[in-house]
Structure formats: structure tokens, C-alpha cells
Amino acid sequence: MAQIYKIYMNQSLLILADFAPKIEGITQTIGLQDIDLEKLFNQSLNKTEKNVYLYVQPNIEKVFKSLIADLRIIKAAGGLVKNGEGHYLFIHRLGKWDLPKGKVEEDEKMKEAALREVEEECGLKIDYLGRKIMTTYHTYTMRNKFVLKQTKWYEMAVNEVPKLTPQKEEDIDKAIWVKPANLDKIKADTYPLILDVIEHI
């Protein structure tokens, strides 16, 4: 099975794959010796245009594991939630549309964390927790330390159309149900990695 890892760094994106994926726009092929995640992240801070770097190698999983081996990794989990009418749950946080997610606590399983975070952030009870959709990666700095956030996303569902209560203390000002036909509004004002998750709708 083909493997691909995408690591988002502000405006830039590093794609590691064991095949040559079709990518829109200009892509810069990069050598293994040039892949320094922190350096690429720092370079992306001063850029407004999106840079896409591509590295293709047969044993890409091994390469990826070695690249992140010494990084501080923050584990998070979240959900793509569908209601009884086939609409999807989105939250509005810090000026962007997003999906509910949060950090995994110590001794907590990924699926448990995903469920807890979605329920806490949106004030609802999940009726169905399904398969893992995908894992996303993005980099940022926290207290001047470079970190990689790994988020596992799960399929979830609720019966009927429950009322949503956004968790204000987590900077969420809206939680809404969106028809698949109305996703353009969300896509126009969200993060690139959220677009990757939305592709599974």
C-alpha cells in the first residue's frame, strides 16, 4: 500500500512518499540531507507564498521515523462528526473554521481522547465512534521550543441533530452543523491539514 506523510509548516508543506504523488502547483524536490524540519519551519515564517517540498523514497516510513525521532511530539486526537441528517460538525476558533480536537492526556488511549475532546468542545454526546480516518502532522513553536503535533482523526456520528454548545474557554466561538453541499464556506477559511481531513467526506 502506498505511503505518504504530509508535514505542515506554516505556509510550507513537506511531503514524504514512497511514490510520486500528483500535486497541484509548483513542487520543489528535496534531498534527504536538506530535510531539517526546524530549519524548514523557520524559513517558512518569513514567507507569504506556499512552498511544497517533496521527497520520494521506497522505504519512506523508516525515513519519517528517523526524521521525527529526536523531536518533541505532542499527541492529539479529534473527530469528523456526522449527524442524523448527514451534516458535519465544525467549530470556529481563533478566526478559522476547524474540527474539534485536543491533546491526549497521560495514560489515555487515542480514541478515548478524541471522544472526550469532541464532546467537551461542542457540548454533545457521541453515539458512534468509528475507524481512524488519518493522521495529520504540523509544526509550531511552544515556549520557544520547536514541536511536532501528531493528530489522529476518527469517524464519529450522532443520532438526530443535537444542539451544540461551543466551549468558550477553548476560544471556540461557534459550533455548527454544515451540509456537505455548503462546505465551500468552510474550505475557504480553514487550515490546509483540515482540508485533508474534509476530503474524506
N, C-alpha and C. Protein backbone atom coordinates (compact mmCIF):
# COMPACT_ATOMS: atom_id res chain seq x y z
N MET A 1 0.84 -1.20 0.00
CA MET A 1 0.00 0.00 0.00
C MET A 1 0.88 1.25 0.00
N ALA A 2 0.54 2.22 -0.85
CA ALA A 2 1.33 3.45 -0.96
C ALA A 2 1.29 4.23 0.34
N GLN A 3 2.43 4.81 0.71
CA GLN A 3 2.51 5.59 1.95
C GLN A 3 2.90 7.03 1.66
N ILE A 4 2.23 7.94 2.37
CA ILE A 4 2.53 9.36 2.21
C ILE A 4 2.40 10.04 3.57
N TYR A 5 3.34 10.91 3.87
CA TYR A 5 3.31 11.71 5.09
C TYR A 5 3.36 13.18 4.67
N LYS A 6 2.47 13.97 5.25
CA LYS A 6 2.49 15.42 4.98
C LYS A 6 2.76 16.13 6.29
N ILE A 7 3.77 16.99 6.30
CA ILE A 7 4.08 17.77 7.50
C ILE A 7 3.89 19.25 7.15
N TYR A 8 2.91 19.86 7.80
CA TYR A 8 2.61 21.27 7.54
C TYR A 8 3.47 22.17 8.41
N MET A 9 4.05 23.20 7.77
CA MET A 9 4.93 24.16 8.47
C MET A 9 4.50 25.55 8.04
N ASN A 10 3.55 26.17 8.77
CA ASN A 10 3.00 27.47 8.37
C ASN A 10 2.53 27.40 6.92
N GLN A 11 3.12 28.23 6.06
CA GLN A 11 2.73 28.25 4.64
C GLN A 11 3.34 27.09 3.86
N SER A 12 4.33 26.43 4.43
CA SER A 12 5.04 25.39 3.68
C SER A 12 4.54 23.99 4.02
N LEU A 13 4.85 23.07 3.12
CA LEU A 13 4.42 21.69 3.29
C LEU A 13 5.55 20.77 2.82
N LEU A 14 5.88 19.79 3.65
CA LEU A 14 6.85 18.76 3.27
C LEU A 14 6.08 17.47 3.04
N ILE A 15 6.23 16.89 1.85
CA ILE A 15 5.58 15.62 1.52
C ILE A 15 6.65 14.55 1.40
N LEU A 16 6.47 13.49 2.17
CA LEU A 16 7.36 12.32 2.11
C LEU A 16 6.52 11.17 1.58
N ALA A 17 6.96 10.54 0.51
CA ALA A 17 6.14 9.48 -0.07
C ALA A 17 7.00 8.38 -0.67
N ASP A 18 6.38 7.19 -0.84
CA ASP A 18 7.11 6.09 -1.50
C ASP A 18 6.68 5.96 -2.96
N PHE A 19 6.00 7.02 -3.46
CA PHE A 19 5.60 7.09 -4.88
C PHE A 19 5.58 8.57 -5.24
N ALA A 20 5.44 8.87 -6.52
CA ALA A 20 5.41 10.28 -6.94
C ALA A 20 3.96 10.74 -6.99
N PRO A 21 3.47 11.45 -5.95
CA PRO A 21 2.06 11.86 -5.94
C PRO A 21 1.80 13.02 -6.89
N LYS A 22 0.52 13.14 -7.32
CA LYS A 22 0.13 14.28 -8.17
C LYS A 22 -0.13 15.45 -7.23
N ILE A 23 0.57 16.55 -7.44
CA ILE A 23 0.44 17.71 -6.57
C ILE A 23 0.17 18.95 -7.42
N GLU A 24 -0.84 19.72 -7.01
CA GLU A 24 -1.14 20.97 -7.74
C GLU A 24 -0.08 22.02 -7.41
N GLY A 25 0.25 22.82 -8.41
CA GLY A 25 1.20 23.91 -8.17
C GLY A 25 2.66 23.47 -8.28
N ILE A 26 3.55 24.36 -7.91
CA ILE A 26 4.99 24.11 -8.05
C ILE A 26 5.50 23.34 -6.83
N THR A 27 6.23 22.28 -7.11
CA THR A 27 6.81 21.46 -6.05
C THR A 27 8.32 21.45 -6.19
N GLN A 28 9.00 21.54 -5.08
CA GLN A 28 10.47 21.51 -5.09
C GLN A 28 10.92 20.16 -4.55
N THR A 29 11.65 19.41 -5.38
CA THR A 29 12.18 18.12 -4.92
C THR A 29 13.34 18.42 -3.97
N ILE A 30 13.37 17.67 -2.89
CA ILE A 30 14.36 17.95 -1.85
C ILE A 30 15.15 16.68 -1.56
N GLY A 31 16.42 16.84 -1.23
CA GLY A 31 17.26 15.69 -0.88
C GLY A 31 17.17 15.40 0.61
N LEU A 32 17.47 14.20 1.00
CA LEU A 32 17.37 13.82 2.42
C LEU A 32 18.28 14.69 3.29
N GLN A 33 19.44 15.04 2.76
CA GLN A 33 20.39 15.87 3.53
C GLN A 33 19.84 17.27 3.80
N ASP A 34 18.84 17.70 3.01
CA ASP A 34 18.25 19.05 3.17
C ASP A 34 17.01 19.05 4.06
N ILE A 35 16.60 17.86 4.51
CA ILE A 35 15.38 17.82 5.33
C ILE A 35 15.74 18.02 6.80
N ASP A 36 15.59 19.26 7.22
CA ASP A 36 15.75 19.63 8.63
C ASP A 36 14.45 20.36 8.97
N LEU A 37 13.56 19.67 9.67
CA LEU A 37 12.21 20.20 9.90
C LEU A 37 12.21 21.57 10.56
N GLU A 38 13.06 21.74 11.55
CA GLU A 38 13.08 23.02 12.26
C GLU A 38 13.56 24.15 11.34
N LYS A 39 14.57 23.83 10.53
CA LYS A 39 15.12 24.83 9.59
C LYS A 39 14.06 25.21 8.54
N LEU A 40 13.38 24.20 7.99
CA LEU A 40 12.33 24.47 7.00
C LEU A 40 11.19 25.27 7.62
N PHE A 41 10.86 24.95 8.87
CA PHE A 41 9.81 25.68 9.59
C PHE A 41 10.21 27.15 9.76
N ASN A 42 11.45 27.38 10.20
CA ASN A 42 11.93 28.76 10.41
C ASN A 42 11.95 29.56 9.11
N GLN A 43 12.33 28.87 8.01
CA GLN A 43 12.32 29.54 6.70
C GLN A 43 10.90 29.93 6.30
N SER A 44 9.93 29.08 6.67
CA SER A 44 8.53 29.33 6.28
C SER A 44 7.92 30.52 7.03
N LEU A 45 8.51 30.90 8.15
CA LEU A 45 7.97 32.00 8.96
C LEU A 45 7.98 33.33 8.21
N ASN A 46 8.96 33.52 7.35
CA ASN A 46 9.12 34.80 6.65
C ASN A 46 8.51 34.81 5.25
N LYS A 47 7.81 33.71 4.91
CA LYS A 47 7.30 33.62 3.54
C LYS A 47 5.78 33.77 3.50
N THR A 48 5.30 34.39 2.45
CA THR A 48 3.85 34.51 2.28
C THR A 48 3.36 33.46 1.29
N GLU A 49 4.22 33.09 0.33
CA GLU A 49 3.79 32.08 -0.65
C GLU A 49 3.99 30.67 -0.05
N LYS A 50 3.21 29.74 -0.59
CA LYS A 50 3.28 28.38 -0.08
C LYS A 50 4.41 27.62 -0.79
N ASN A 51 5.31 27.02 -0.03
CA ASN A 51 6.37 26.18 -0.59
C ASN A 51 6.02 24.72 -0.35
N VAL A 52 6.11 23.91 -1.40
CA VAL A 52 5.85 22.48 -1.25
C VAL A 52 7.12 21.73 -1.58
N TYR A 53 7.62 20.98 -0.60
CA TYR A 53 8.84 20.18 -0.77
C TYR A 53 8.43 18.71 -0.88
N LEU A 54 9.11 17.99 -1.78
CA LEU A 54 8.77 16.57 -1.98
C LEU A 54 10.02 15.72 -1.90
N TYR A 55 9.90 14.65 -1.10
CA TYR A 55 10.99 13.67 -1.04
C TYR A 55 10.36 12.29 -1.26
N VAL A 56 10.86 11.58 -2.29
CA VAL A 56 10.32 10.25 -2.61
C VAL A 56 11.41 9.21 -2.39
N GLN A 57 11.03 8.15 -1.67
CA GLN A 57 11.99 7.08 -1.36
C GLN A 57 11.19 5.81 -1.06
N PRO A 58 11.66 4.63 -1.50
CA PRO A 58 10.86 3.41 -1.31
C PRO A 58 10.50 3.12 0.16
N ASN A 59 11.49 3.23 1.06
CA ASN A 59 11.20 2.91 2.46
C ASN A 59 10.93 4.20 3.25
N ILE A 60 9.81 4.85 2.92
CA ILE A 60 9.55 6.19 3.46
C ILE A 60 9.19 6.18 4.94
N GLU A 61 8.61 5.09 5.40
CA GLU A 61 8.23 5.01 6.82
C GLU A 61 9.47 5.10 7.72
N LYS A 62 10.52 4.40 7.31
CA LYS A 62 11.78 4.41 8.07
C LYS A 62 12.38 5.84 8.08
N VAL A 63 12.33 6.50 6.92
CA VAL A 63 12.85 7.88 6.81
C VAL A 63 12.06 8.80 7.74
N PHE A 64 10.74 8.68 7.69
CA PHE A 64 9.88 9.53 8.51
C PHE A 64 10.17 9.33 9.99
N LYS A 65 10.26 8.07 10.41
CA LYS A 65 10.52 7.78 11.83
C LYS A 65 11.87 8.36 12.29
N SER A 66 12.86 8.29 11.42
CA SER A 66 14.17 8.83 11.80
C SER A 66 14.14 10.36 11.85
N LEU A 67 13.33 10.99 10.98
CA LEU A 67 13.23 12.45 10.96
C LEU A 67 12.60 13.01 12.24
N ILE A 68 11.64 12.26 12.79
CA ILE A 68 10.92 12.78 13.97
C ILE A 68 11.44 12.18 15.28
N ALA A 69 12.43 11.29 15.19
CA ALA A 69 12.92 10.57 16.37
C ALA A 69 13.34 11.49 17.52
N ASP A 70 13.99 12.60 17.22
CA ASP A 70 14.50 13.48 18.28
C ASP A 70 13.61 14.70 18.55
N LEU A 71 12.44 14.75 17.91
CA LEU A 71 11.57 15.90 18.09
C LEU A 71 10.66 15.73 19.30
N ARG A 72 10.22 16.85 19.85
CA ARG A 72 9.19 16.80 20.89
C ARG A 72 7.86 16.63 20.15
N ILE A 73 7.16 15.54 20.44
CA ILE A 73 5.91 15.27 19.74
C ILE A 73 4.73 15.45 20.69
N ILE A 74 3.78 16.26 20.27
CA ILE A 74 2.56 16.46 21.06
C ILE A 74 1.47 15.65 20.37
N LYS A 75 0.86 14.74 21.12
CA LYS A 75 -0.16 13.88 20.53
C LYS A 75 -1.54 14.45 20.80
N ALA A 76 -2.34 14.48 19.73
CA ALA A 76 -3.70 14.99 19.83
C ALA A 76 -4.64 14.05 19.07
N ALA A 77 -5.94 14.21 19.32
CA ALA A 77 -6.93 13.38 18.64
C ALA A 77 -8.21 14.19 18.47
N GLY A 78 -8.93 13.90 17.38
CA GLY A 78 -10.16 14.63 17.10
C GLY A 78 -11.10 13.82 16.23
N GLY A 79 -12.21 14.46 15.87
CA GLY A 79 -13.22 13.72 15.13
C GLY A 79 -13.88 14.49 14.01
N LEU A 80 -14.30 13.73 13.00
CA LEU A 80 -15.14 14.23 11.91
C LEU A 80 -16.51 13.65 12.21
N VAL A 81 -17.41 14.52 12.70
CA VAL A 81 -18.69 14.05 13.24
C VAL A 81 -19.83 14.33 12.27
N LYS A 82 -20.63 13.27 12.04
CA LYS A 82 -21.78 13.36 11.13
C LYS A 82 -23.05 13.21 11.96
N ASN A 83 -24.08 14.02 11.65
CA ASN A 83 -25.33 13.87 12.40
C ASN A 83 -26.34 13.03 11.63
N GLY A 84 -27.52 12.87 12.23
CA GLY A 84 -28.55 12.01 11.64
C GLY A 84 -29.08 12.48 10.30
N GLU A 85 -28.82 13.74 9.95
CA GLU A 85 -29.26 14.27 8.65
C GLU A 85 -28.12 14.33 7.64
N GLY A 86 -26.95 13.79 8.02
CA GLY A 86 -25.81 13.77 7.09
C GLY A 86 -25.01 15.05 7.04
N HIS A 87 -25.19 15.93 8.06
CA HIS A 87 -24.42 17.17 8.14
C HIS A 87 -23.20 16.95 9.04
N TYR A 88 -22.17 17.80 8.85
CA TYR A 88 -20.92 17.61 9.59
C TYR A 88 -20.67 18.74 10.58
N LEU A 89 -20.00 18.39 11.66
CA LEU A 89 -19.74 19.33 12.75
C LEU A 89 -18.44 20.10 12.52
N PHE A 90 -18.53 21.44 12.59
CA PHE A 90 -17.34 22.29 12.50
C PHE A 90 -17.38 23.31 13.64
N ILE A 91 -16.18 23.71 14.07
CA ILE A 91 -16.08 24.74 15.09
C ILE A 91 -15.35 25.94 14.51
N HIS A 92 -15.59 27.11 15.08
CA HIS A 92 -14.89 28.33 14.67
C HIS A 92 -14.04 28.76 15.86
N ARG A 93 -12.72 28.70 15.65
CA ARG A 93 -11.79 29.00 16.74
C ARG A 93 -10.69 29.92 16.23
N LEU A 94 -10.45 31.01 16.95
CA LEU A 94 -9.38 31.95 16.61
C LEU A 94 -9.43 32.41 15.15
N GLY A 95 -10.66 32.68 14.69
CA GLY A 95 -10.84 33.25 13.35
C GLY A 95 -10.83 32.28 12.20
N LYS A 96 -10.74 30.98 12.48
CA LYS A 96 -10.71 29.98 11.39
C LYS A 96 -11.71 28.85 11.69
N TRP A 97 -12.21 28.24 10.62
CA TRP A 97 -13.02 27.04 10.79
C TRP A 97 -12.09 25.86 11.07
N ASP A 98 -12.53 25.00 11.96
CA ASP A 98 -11.66 23.90 12.41
C ASP A 98 -12.54 22.70 12.76
N LEU A 99 -11.90 21.60 13.09
CA LEU A 99 -12.60 20.42 13.59
C LEU A 99 -12.22 20.24 15.06
N PRO A 100 -13.15 19.72 15.87
CA PRO A 100 -12.83 19.55 17.29
C PRO A 100 -11.73 18.52 17.51
N LYS A 101 -10.78 18.89 18.36
CA LYS A 101 -9.65 18.01 18.66
C LYS A 101 -8.97 18.54 19.92
N GLY A 102 -8.07 17.75 20.49
CA GLY A 102 -7.33 18.23 21.65
C GLY A 102 -6.23 17.26 22.03
N LYS A 103 -5.43 17.68 23.00
CA LYS A 103 -4.28 16.87 23.43
C LYS A 103 -4.71 15.61 24.16
N VAL A 104 -3.92 14.58 23.93
CA VAL A 104 -4.15 13.29 24.60
C VAL A 104 -3.51 13.36 25.98
N GLU A 105 -4.28 13.00 26.98
CA GLU A 105 -3.74 13.02 28.35
C GLU A 105 -2.91 11.77 28.61
N GLU A 106 -2.09 11.83 29.66
CA GLU A 106 -1.25 10.69 30.02
C GLU A 106 -2.13 9.48 30.30
N ASP A 107 -1.69 8.31 29.86
CA ASP A 107 -2.42 7.05 30.06
C ASP A 107 -3.80 7.01 29.39
N GLU A 108 -4.04 7.93 28.45
CA GLU A 108 -5.32 7.94 27.75
C GLU A 108 -5.11 7.37 26.35
N LYS A 109 -6.04 6.53 25.92
CA LYS A 109 -5.96 5.98 24.56
C LYS A 109 -6.41 7.07 23.57
N MET A 110 -5.86 6.97 22.36
CA MET A 110 -6.16 7.96 21.31
C MET A 110 -7.66 8.11 21.08
N LYS A 111 -8.35 6.98 20.92
CA LYS A 111 -9.80 7.02 20.64
C LYS A 111 -10.56 7.67 21.79
N GLU A 112 -10.15 7.36 23.02
CA GLU A 112 -10.81 7.94 24.20
C GLU A 112 -10.62 9.46 24.21
N ALA A 113 -9.40 9.90 23.89
CA ALA A 113 -9.09 11.33 23.86
C ALA A 113 -9.92 12.04 22.79
N ALA A 114 -10.02 11.41 21.62
CA ALA A 114 -10.79 12.00 20.52
C ALA A 114 -12.25 12.21 20.94
N LEU A 115 -12.82 11.19 21.54
CA LEU A 115 -14.21 11.24 22.00
C LEU A 115 -14.39 12.33 23.07
N ARG A 116 -13.51 12.35 24.05
CA ARG A 116 -13.61 13.31 25.16
C ARG A 116 -13.50 14.74 24.64
N GLU A 117 -12.51 14.99 23.77
CA GLU A 117 -12.30 16.34 23.25
C GLU A 117 -13.48 16.85 22.43
N VAL A 118 -14.02 15.99 21.57
CA VAL A 118 -15.15 16.39 20.74
C VAL A 118 -16.36 16.71 21.62
N GLU A 119 -16.61 15.85 22.60
CA GLU A 119 -17.76 16.07 23.48
C GLU A 119 -17.60 17.34 24.32
N GLU A 120 -16.38 17.56 24.84
CA GLU A 120 -16.13 18.75 25.66
C GLU A 120 -16.22 20.05 24.83
N GLU A 121 -15.61 20.03 23.65
CA GLU A 121 -15.53 21.26 22.86
C GLU A 121 -16.87 21.67 22.24
N CYS A 122 -17.78 20.70 22.08
CA CYS A 122 -19.04 21.01 21.40
C CYS A 122 -20.29 20.76 22.25
N GLY A 123 -20.10 20.26 23.46
CA GLY A 123 -21.22 20.04 24.37
C GLY A 123 -22.25 19.05 23.86
N LEU A 124 -21.79 17.93 23.35
CA LEU A 124 -22.72 16.90 22.87
C LEU A 124 -22.24 15.51 23.26
N LYS A 125 -23.09 14.51 23.03
CA LYS A 125 -22.75 13.11 23.35
C LYS A 125 -22.62 12.37 22.04
N ILE A 126 -21.46 11.74 21.81
CA ILE A 126 -21.23 10.97 20.58
C ILE A 126 -21.87 9.58 20.73
N ASP A 127 -22.62 9.17 19.69
CA ASP A 127 -23.29 7.87 19.74
C ASP A 127 -22.48 6.77 19.05
N TYR A 128 -21.58 7.17 18.16
CA TYR A 128 -20.83 6.15 17.40
C TYR A 128 -19.40 6.64 17.19
N LEU A 129 -18.45 5.80 17.51
CA LEU A 129 -17.03 6.10 17.28
C LEU A 129 -16.51 5.04 16.31
N GLY A 130 -16.08 5.50 15.14
CA GLY A 130 -15.68 4.56 14.09
C GLY A 130 -14.19 4.46 13.87
N ARG A 131 -13.83 4.21 12.64
CA ARG A 131 -12.43 3.95 12.27
C ARG A 131 -11.59 5.22 12.31
N LYS A 132 -10.28 5.02 12.35
CA LYS A 132 -9.36 6.15 12.21
C LYS A 132 -9.36 6.56 10.75
N ILE A 133 -9.56 7.84 10.48
CA ILE A 133 -9.57 8.34 9.10
C ILE A 133 -8.14 8.54 8.61
N MET A 134 -7.35 9.25 9.42
CA MET A 134 -5.99 9.59 9.02
C MET A 134 -5.23 10.20 10.19
N THR A 135 -3.93 10.42 9.98
CA THR A 135 -3.10 11.13 10.95
C THR A 135 -2.52 12.34 10.25
N THR A 136 -2.60 13.51 10.91
CA THR A 136 -2.00 14.72 10.33
C THR A 136 -0.84 15.18 11.21
N TYR A 137 0.07 15.95 10.60
CA TYR A 137 1.26 16.45 11.31
C TYR A 137 1.44 17.92 11.00
N HIS A 138 1.69 18.72 12.02
CA HIS A 138 2.10 20.10 11.76
C HIS A 138 3.06 20.57 12.84
N THR A 139 3.88 21.55 12.46
CA THR A 139 4.93 22.03 13.35
C THR A 139 4.62 23.43 13.84
N TYR A 140 5.09 23.73 15.03
CA TYR A 140 4.95 25.09 15.57
C TYR A 140 5.93 25.24 16.73
N THR A 141 5.99 26.43 17.32
CA THR A 141 6.85 26.60 18.49
C THR A 141 5.98 26.83 19.71
N MET A 142 6.38 26.21 20.82
CA MET A 142 5.68 26.37 22.08
C MET A 142 6.72 26.69 23.14
N ARG A 143 6.56 27.86 23.77
CA ARG A 143 7.57 28.34 24.73
C ARG A 143 8.97 28.30 24.13
N ASN A 144 9.07 28.79 22.90
CA ASN A 144 10.34 28.85 22.14
C ASN A 144 10.96 27.50 21.81
N LYS A 145 10.19 26.43 21.98
CA LYS A 145 10.68 25.10 21.62
C LYS A 145 9.92 24.62 20.38
N PHE A 146 10.67 24.02 19.45
CA PHE A 146 10.08 23.50 18.21
C PHE A 146 9.37 22.18 18.51
N VAL A 147 8.10 22.06 18.11
CA VAL A 147 7.36 20.82 18.37
C VAL A 147 6.63 20.36 17.11
N LEU A 148 6.35 19.06 17.11
CA LEU A 148 5.56 18.45 16.03
C LEU A 148 4.27 17.94 16.66
N LYS A 149 3.15 18.39 16.12
CA LYS A 149 1.86 17.88 16.63
C LYS A 149 1.36 16.78 15.70
N GLN A 150 1.07 15.64 16.31
CA GLN A 150 0.53 14.49 15.58
C GLN A 150 -0.93 14.34 16.00
N THR A 151 -1.84 14.48 15.06
CA THR A 151 -3.28 14.37 15.39
C THR A 151 -3.89 13.19 14.65
N LYS A 152 -4.52 12.31 15.41
CA LYS A 152 -5.26 11.18 14.81
C LYS A 152 -6.73 11.57 14.74
N TRP A 153 -7.33 11.38 13.57
CA TRP A 153 -8.72 11.77 13.32
C TRP A 153 -9.59 10.54 13.17
N TYR A 154 -10.77 10.57 13.81
CA TYR A 154 -11.68 9.42 13.79
C TYR A 154 -13.05 9.81 13.24
N GLU A 155 -13.68 8.82 12.61
CA GLU A 155 -15.07 8.96 12.16
C GLU A 155 -15.97 8.90 13.39
N MET A 156 -16.91 9.81 13.50
CA MET A 156 -17.87 9.78 14.60
C MET A 156 -19.25 10.13 14.07
N ALA A 157 -20.28 9.75 14.85
CA ALA A 157 -21.64 10.08 14.45
C ALA A 157 -22.54 10.26 15.67
N VAL A 158 -23.59 11.04 15.45
CA VAL A 158 -24.60 11.24 16.49
C VAL A 158 -25.97 10.96 15.87
N ASN A 159 -26.91 10.55 16.71
CA ASN A 159 -28.28 10.34 16.26
C ASN A 159 -28.96 11.72 16.18
N GLU A 160 -29.87 11.86 15.24
CA GLU A 160 -30.64 13.09 15.07
C GLU A 160 -29.73 14.32 14.88
N VAL A 161 -30.14 15.49 15.40
CA VAL A 161 -29.34 16.71 15.24
C VAL A 161 -29.24 17.41 16.61
N PRO A 162 -28.31 16.96 17.44
CA PRO A 162 -28.23 17.56 18.77
C PRO A 162 -27.78 19.02 18.75
N LYS A 163 -28.22 19.75 19.76
CA LYS A 163 -27.83 21.16 19.94
C LYS A 163 -26.34 21.18 20.30
N LEU A 164 -25.63 22.19 19.82
CA LEU A 164 -24.19 22.30 20.08
C LEU A 164 -23.91 23.47 21.02
N THR A 165 -22.97 23.26 21.93
CA THR A 165 -22.56 24.33 22.85
C THR A 165 -21.05 24.50 22.75
N PRO A 166 -20.58 25.56 22.06
CA PRO A 166 -19.13 25.74 21.91
C PRO A 166 -18.45 26.03 23.25
N GLN A 167 -17.28 25.42 23.44
CA GLN A 167 -16.51 25.60 24.68
C GLN A 167 -15.74 26.93 24.59
N LYS A 168 -16.32 27.97 25.17
CA LYS A 168 -15.75 29.32 25.06
C LYS A 168 -14.33 29.42 25.65
N GLU A 169 -14.08 28.69 26.74
CA GLU A 169 -12.75 28.78 27.37
C GLU A 169 -11.65 28.19 26.51
N GLU A 170 -12.04 27.45 25.46
CA GLU A 170 -11.06 26.94 24.49
C GLU A 170 -11.04 27.82 23.23
N ASP A 171 -11.52 29.07 23.37
CA ASP A 171 -11.55 30.04 22.27
C ASP A 171 -12.44 29.63 21.10
N ILE A 172 -13.43 28.78 21.37
CA ILE A 172 -14.37 28.38 20.32
C ILE A 172 -15.59 29.29 20.41
N ASP A 173 -15.84 30.08 19.36
CA ASP A 173 -16.99 30.99 19.43
C ASP A 173 -18.22 30.47 18.71
N LYS A 174 -18.03 29.42 17.86
CA LYS A 174 -19.19 28.82 17.18
C LYS A 174 -18.97 27.32 17.01
N ALA A 175 -20.07 26.57 17.07
CA ALA A 175 -20.06 25.15 16.71
C ALA A 175 -21.32 24.96 15.87
N ILE A 176 -21.16 24.50 14.64
CA ILE A 176 -22.31 24.42 13.72
C ILE A 176 -22.33 23.10 12.95
N TRP A 177 -23.52 22.76 12.45
CA TRP A 177 -23.67 21.62 11.53
C TRP A 177 -23.65 22.17 10.11
N VAL A 178 -22.90 21.54 9.22
CA VAL A 178 -22.76 22.03 7.84
C VAL A 178 -23.13 20.92 6.87
N LYS A 179 -24.01 21.27 5.90
CA LYS A 179 -24.36 20.31 4.84
C LYS A 179 -23.15 20.11 3.94
N PRO A 180 -22.91 18.90 3.45
CA PRO A 180 -21.78 18.69 2.52
C PRO A 180 -21.80 19.67 1.33
N ALA A 181 -23.00 20.06 0.88
CA ALA A 181 -23.11 20.98 -0.26
C ALA A 181 -22.62 22.39 0.09
N ASN A 182 -22.55 22.70 1.40
CA ASN A 182 -22.14 24.05 1.83
C ASN A 182 -20.71 24.11 2.37
N LEU A 183 -19.90 23.11 2.04
CA LEU A 183 -18.54 23.04 2.58
C LEU A 183 -17.59 24.11 2.03
N ASP A 184 -17.96 24.73 0.92
CA ASP A 184 -17.07 25.74 0.31
C ASP A 184 -16.75 26.88 1.27
N LYS A 185 -17.73 27.27 2.06
CA LYS A 185 -17.55 28.35 3.04
C LYS A 185 -16.47 27.96 4.06
N ILE A 186 -16.51 26.71 4.47
CA ILE A 186 -15.52 26.19 5.44
C ILE A 186 -14.15 26.11 4.78
N LYS A 187 -14.11 25.53 3.58
CA LYS A 187 -12.84 25.32 2.86
C LYS A 187 -12.11 26.63 2.57
N ALA A 188 -12.88 27.70 2.40
CA ALA A 188 -12.28 29.00 2.07
C ALA A 188 -11.57 29.64 3.26
N ASP A 189 -11.85 29.14 4.48
CA ASP A 189 -11.30 29.79 5.67
C ASP A 189 -10.94 28.76 6.75
N THR A 190 -10.09 27.82 6.35
CA THR A 190 -9.64 26.81 7.30
C THR A 190 -8.16 26.54 7.09
N TYR A 191 -7.63 25.56 7.81
CA TYR A 191 -6.21 25.21 7.71
C TYR A 191 -6.01 24.13 6.64
N PRO A 192 -4.83 24.13 5.97
CA PRO A 192 -4.60 23.11 4.93
C PRO A 192 -4.77 21.68 5.43
N LEU A 193 -4.35 21.39 6.65
CA LEU A 193 -4.48 19.99 7.10
C LEU A 193 -5.93 19.62 7.36
N ILE A 194 -6.78 20.61 7.70
CA ILE A 194 -8.21 20.34 7.87
C ILE A 194 -8.83 20.01 6.51
N LEU A 195 -8.34 20.66 5.45
CA LEU A 195 -8.79 20.33 4.10
C LEU A 195 -8.52 18.86 3.77
N ASP A 196 -7.38 18.35 4.24
CA ASP A 196 -7.05 16.94 4.03
C ASP A 196 -8.06 16.02 4.69
N VAL A 197 -8.50 16.40 5.90
CA VAL A 197 -9.48 15.58 6.63
C VAL A 197 -10.85 15.68 5.94
N ILE A 198 -11.21 16.90 5.53
CA ILE A 198 -12.52 17.13 4.86
C ILE A 198 -12.64 16.31 3.57
N GLU A 199 -11.50 16.03 2.93
CA GLU A 199 -11.53 15.22 1.69
C GLU A 199 -12.19 13.86 1.91
N HIS A 200 -12.26 13.42 3.16
CA HIS A 200 -12.86 12.11 3.46
C HIS A 200 -14.39 12.17 3.57
N ILE A 201 -14.96 13.37 3.40
CA ILE A 201 -16.42 13.50 3.43
C ILE A 201 -16.96 13.00 2.10
